């Protein structure tokens, strides 16, 4: 358990940056997926 905590603490600066951009990434994925679905339905 302690080794997991230590490795996550080493990755923390990257994790903070990732958490900042994660909602935008998820939103972009949802938008592109719904756009693709509507494109398929209109064919």
PDB file of N, CA and C in Angstrom:
ATOM      1  N   UNK A   1       0.839  -1.203   0.000  1.00  0.00           N
ATOM      2  CA  UNK A   1       0.000   0.000   0.000  1.00  0.00           C
ATOM      3  C   UNK A   1       0.877   1.258   0.000  1.00  0.00           C
ATOM      4  N   UNK A   2       1.930   1.236   0.794  1.00  0.00           N
ATOM      5  CA  UNK A   2       2.807   2.409   0.891  1.00  0.00           C
ATOM      6  C   UNK A   2       3.516   2.687  -0.427  1.00  0.00           C
ATOM      7  N   UNK A   3       3.874   1.639  -1.166  1.00  0.00           N
ATOM      8  CA  UNK A   3       4.544   1.852  -2.445  1.00  0.00           C
ATOM      9  C   UNK A   3       3.603   2.508  -3.450  1.00  0.00           C
ATOM     10  N   UNK A   4       2.316   2.161  -3.390  1.00  0.00           N
ATOM     11  CA  UNK A   4       1.335   2.791  -4.280  1.00  0.00           C
ATOM     12  C   UNK A   4       1.221   4.280  -3.961  1.00  0.00           C
ATOM     13  N   UNK A   5       1.205   4.605  -2.665  1.00  0.00           N
ATOM     14  CA  UNK A   5       1.113   6.005  -2.259  1.00  0.00           C
ATOM     15  C   UNK A   5       2.342   6.775  -2.708  1.00  0.00           C
ATOM     16  N   UNK A   6       3.518   6.174  -2.548  1.00  0.00           N
ATOM     17  CA  UNK A   6       4.758   6.839  -2.948  1.00  0.00           C
ATOM     18  C   UNK A   6       4.811   7.069  -4.449  1.00  0.00           C
ATOM     19  N   UNK A   7       4.408   6.085  -5.242  1.00  0.00           N
ATOM     20  CA  UNK A   7       4.442   6.252  -6.694  1.00  0.00           C
ATOM     21  C   UNK A   7       3.416   7.287  -7.143  1.00  0.00           C
ATOM     22  N   UNK A   8       2.262   7.340  -6.487  1.00  0.00           N
ATOM     23  CA  UNK A   8       1.262   8.345  -6.867  1.00  0.00           C
ATOM     24  C   UNK A   8       1.725   9.742  -6.466  1.00  0.00           C
ATOM     25  N   UNK A   9       2.464   9.857  -5.374  1.00  0.00           N
ATOM     26  CA  UNK A   9       2.992  11.165  -4.982  1.00  0.00           C
ATOM     27  C   UNK A   9       4.035  11.671  -5.979  1.00  0.00           C
ATOM     28  N   UNK A  10       4.794  10.750  -6.572  1.00  0.00           N
ATOM     29  CA  UNK A  10       5.767  11.153  -7.585  1.00  0.00           C
ATOM     30  C   UNK A  10       5.072  11.638  -8.848  1.00  0.00           C
ATOM     31  N   UNK A  11       3.889  11.078  -9.156  1.00  0.00           N
ATOM     32  CA  UNK A  11       3.150  11.452 -10.364  1.00  0.00           C
ATOM     33  C   UNK A  11       2.160  12.596 -10.120  1.00  0.00           C
ATOM     34  N   UNK A  12       2.178  13.159  -8.921  1.00  0.00           N
ATOM     35  CA  UNK A  12       1.154  14.137  -8.547  1.00  0.00           C
ATOM     36  C   UNK A  12       1.138  15.398  -9.417  1.00  0.00           C
ATOM     37  N   UNK A  13       2.284  16.017  -9.747  1.00  0.00           N
ATOM     38  CA  UNK A  13       2.210  17.214 -10.595  1.00  0.00           C
ATOM     39  C   UNK A  13       1.544  16.944 -11.933  1.00  0.00           C
ATOM     40  N   UNK A  14       1.843  15.791 -12.533  1.00  0.00           N
ATOM     41  CA  UNK A  14       1.182  15.413 -13.780  1.00  0.00           C
ATOM     42  C   UNK A  14      -0.305  15.160 -13.546  1.00  0.00           C
ATOM     43  N   UNK A  15      -0.626  14.554 -12.400  1.00  0.00           N
ATOM     44  CA  UNK A  15      -2.025  14.274 -12.079  1.00  0.00           C
ATOM     45  C   UNK A  15      -2.831  15.539 -11.886  1.00  0.00           C
ATOM     46  N   UNK A  16      -2.216  16.558 -11.267  1.00  0.00           N
ATOM     47  CA  UNK A  16      -2.918  17.831 -11.091  1.00  0.00           C
ATOM     48  C   UNK A  16      -3.199  18.483 -12.433  1.00  0.00           C
ATOM     49  N   UNK A  17      -2.219  18.427 -13.338  1.00  0.00           N
ATOM     50  CA  UNK A  17      -2.415  19.001 -14.661  1.00  0.00           C
ATOM     51  C   UNK A  17      -3.492  18.228 -15.408  1.00  0.00           C
ATOM     52  N   UNK A  18      -3.493  16.897 -15.237  1.00  0.00           N
ATOM     53  CA  UNK A  18      -4.475  16.062 -15.904  1.00  0.00           C
ATOM     54  C   UNK A  18      -5.881  16.345 -15.382  1.00  0.00           C
ATOM     55  N   UNK A  19      -6.014  16.521 -14.060  1.00  0.00           N
ATOM     56  CA  UNK A  19      -7.324  16.808 -13.490  1.00  0.00           C
ATOM     57  C   UNK A  19      -7.878  18.123 -14.004  1.00  0.00           C
ATOM     58  N   UNK A  20      -6.980  19.087 -14.301  1.00  0.00           N
ATOM     59  CA  UNK A  20      -7.435  20.379 -14.793  1.00  0.00           C
ATOM     60  C   UNK A  20      -8.038  20.262 -16.187  1.00  0.00           C
ATOM     61  N   UNK A  21      -7.453  19.400 -17.031  1.00  0.00           N
ATOM     62  CA  UNK A  21      -7.911  19.282 -18.418  1.00  0.00           C
ATOM     63  C   UNK A  21      -8.876  18.127 -18.649  1.00  0.00           C
ATOM     64  N   UNK A  22      -9.126  17.308 -17.621  1.00  0.00           N
ATOM     65  CA  UNK A  22      -9.967  16.128 -17.806  1.00  0.00           C
ATOM     66  C   UNK A  22     -11.403  16.467 -18.214  1.00  0.00           C
ATOM     67  N   UNK A  23     -12.089  17.461 -17.610  1.00  0.00           N
ATOM     68  CA  UNK A  23     -13.461  17.764 -18.060  1.00  0.00           C
ATOM     69  C   UNK A  23     -13.534  18.185 -19.518  1.00  0.00           C
ATOM     70  N   UNK A  24     -12.541  18.960 -19.974  1.00  0.00           N
ATOM     71  CA  UNK A  24     -12.528  19.373 -21.372  1.00  0.00           C
ATOM     72  C   UNK A  24     -12.346  18.168 -22.286  1.00  0.00           C
ATOM     73  N   UNK A  25     -11.481  17.241 -21.870  1.00  0.00           N
ATOM     74  CA  UNK A  25     -11.237  16.048 -22.669  1.00  0.00           C
ATOM     75  C   UNK A  25     -12.487  15.183 -22.757  1.00  0.00           C
ATOM     76  N   UNK A  26     -13.182  15.023 -21.616  1.00  0.00           N
ATOM     77  CA  UNK A  26     -14.402  14.220 -21.600  1.00  0.00           C
ATOM     78  C   UNK A  26     -15.482  14.890 -22.457  1.00  0.00           C
ATOM     79  N   UNK A  27     -15.601  16.208 -22.337  1.00  0.00           N
ATOM     80  CA  UNK A  27     -16.581  16.927 -23.144  1.00  0.00           C
ATOM     81  C   UNK A  27     -16.301  16.812 -24.626  1.00  0.00           C
ATOM     82  N   UNK A  28     -15.031  16.900 -25.002  1.00  0.00           N
ATOM     83  CA  UNK A  28     -14.649  16.761 -26.403  1.00  0.00           C
ATOM     84  C   UNK A  28     -14.977  15.365 -26.917  1.00  0.00           C
ATOM     85  N   UNK A  29     -14.719  14.351 -26.097  1.00  0.00           N
ATOM     86  CA  UNK A  29     -15.034  12.980 -26.488  1.00  0.00           C
ATOM     87  C   UNK A  29     -16.537  12.801 -26.695  1.00  0.00           C
ATOM     88  N   UNK A  30     -17.339  13.339 -25.774  1.00  0.00           N
ATOM     89  CA  UNK A  30     -18.798  13.209 -25.877  1.00  0.00           C
ATOM     90  C   UNK A  30     -19.308  13.926 -27.125  1.00  0.00           C
ATOM     91  N   UNK A  31     -18.784  15.137 -27.384  1.00  0.00           N
ATOM     92  CA  UNK A  31     -19.218  15.894 -28.556  1.00  0.00           C
ATOM     93  C   UNK A  31     -18.887  15.154 -29.846  1.00  0.00           C
ATOM     94  N   UNK A  32     -17.679  14.638 -29.956  1.00  0.00           N
ATOM     95  CA  UNK A  32     -17.309  13.942 -31.185  1.00  0.00           C
ATOM     96  C   UNK A  32     -18.113  12.652 -31.338  1.00  0.00           C
ATOM     97  N   UNK A  33     -18.385  11.968 -30.228  1.00  0.00           N
ATOM     98  CA  UNK A  33     -19.136  10.721 -30.302  1.00  0.00           C
ATOM     99  C   UNK A  33     -20.577  10.981 -30.727  1.00  0.00           C
ATOM    100  N   UNK A  34     -21.206  12.010 -30.155  1.00  0.00           N
ATOM    101  CA  UNK A  34     -22.591  12.311 -30.545  1.00  0.00           C
ATOM    102  C   UNK A  34     -22.647  12.806 -31.986  1.00  0.00           C
ATOM    103  N   UNK A  35     -21.640  13.567 -32.395  1.00  0.00           N
ATOM    104  CA  UNK A  35     -21.590  13.998 -33.791  1.00  0.00           C
ATOM    105  C   UNK A  35     -21.469  12.814 -34.726  1.00  0.00           C
ATOM    106  N   UNK A  36     -20.656  11.855 -34.365  1.00  0.00           N
ATOM    107  CA  UNK A  36     -20.497  10.645 -35.180  1.00  0.00           C
ATOM    108  C   UNK A  36     -21.808   9.855 -35.227  1.00  0.00           C
ATOM    109  N   UNK A  37     -22.501   9.760 -34.094  1.00  0.00           N
ATOM    110  CA  UNK A  37     -23.765   9.033 -34.066  1.00  0.00           C
ATOM    111  C   UNK A  37     -24.809   9.707 -34.939  1.00  0.00           C
ATOM    112  N   UNK A  38     -24.922  11.026 -34.861  1.00  0.00           N
ATOM    113  CA  UNK A  38     -25.903  11.714 -35.692  1.00  0.00           C
ATOM    114  C   UNK A  38     -25.541  11.584 -37.176  1.00  0.00           C
ATOM    115  N   UNK A  39     -24.266  11.584 -37.485  1.00  0.00           N
ATOM    116  CA  UNK A  39     -23.827  11.379 -38.866  1.00  0.00           C
ATOM    117  C   UNK A  39     -24.259   9.998 -39.363  1.00  0.00           C
ATOM    118  N   UNK A  40     -24.079   8.985 -38.509  1.00  0.00           N
ATOM    119  CA  UNK A  40     -24.484   7.628 -38.905  1.00  0.00           C
ATOM    120  C   UNK A  40     -25.999   7.523 -39.062  1.00  0.00           C
ATOM    121  N   UNK A  41     -26.748   8.197 -38.181  1.00  0.00           N
ATOM    122  CA  UNK A  41     -28.218   8.115 -38.253  1.00  0.00           C
ATOM    123  C   UNK A  41     -28.758   8.839 -39.482  1.00  0.00           C
ATOM    124  N   UNK A  42     -28.069   9.871 -39.938  1.00  0.00           N
ATOM    125  CA  UNK A  42     -28.552  10.626 -41.086  1.00  0.00           C
ATOM    126  C   UNK A  42     -28.187   9.986 -42.411  1.00  0.00           C
ATOM    127  N   UNK A  43     -27.392   8.954 -42.369  1.00  0.00           N
ATOM    128  CA  UNK A  43     -27.028   8.304 -43.642  1.00  0.00           C
ATOM    129  C   UNK A  43     -28.169   7.457 -44.167  1.00  0.00           C
TER     130      UNK A  43
END
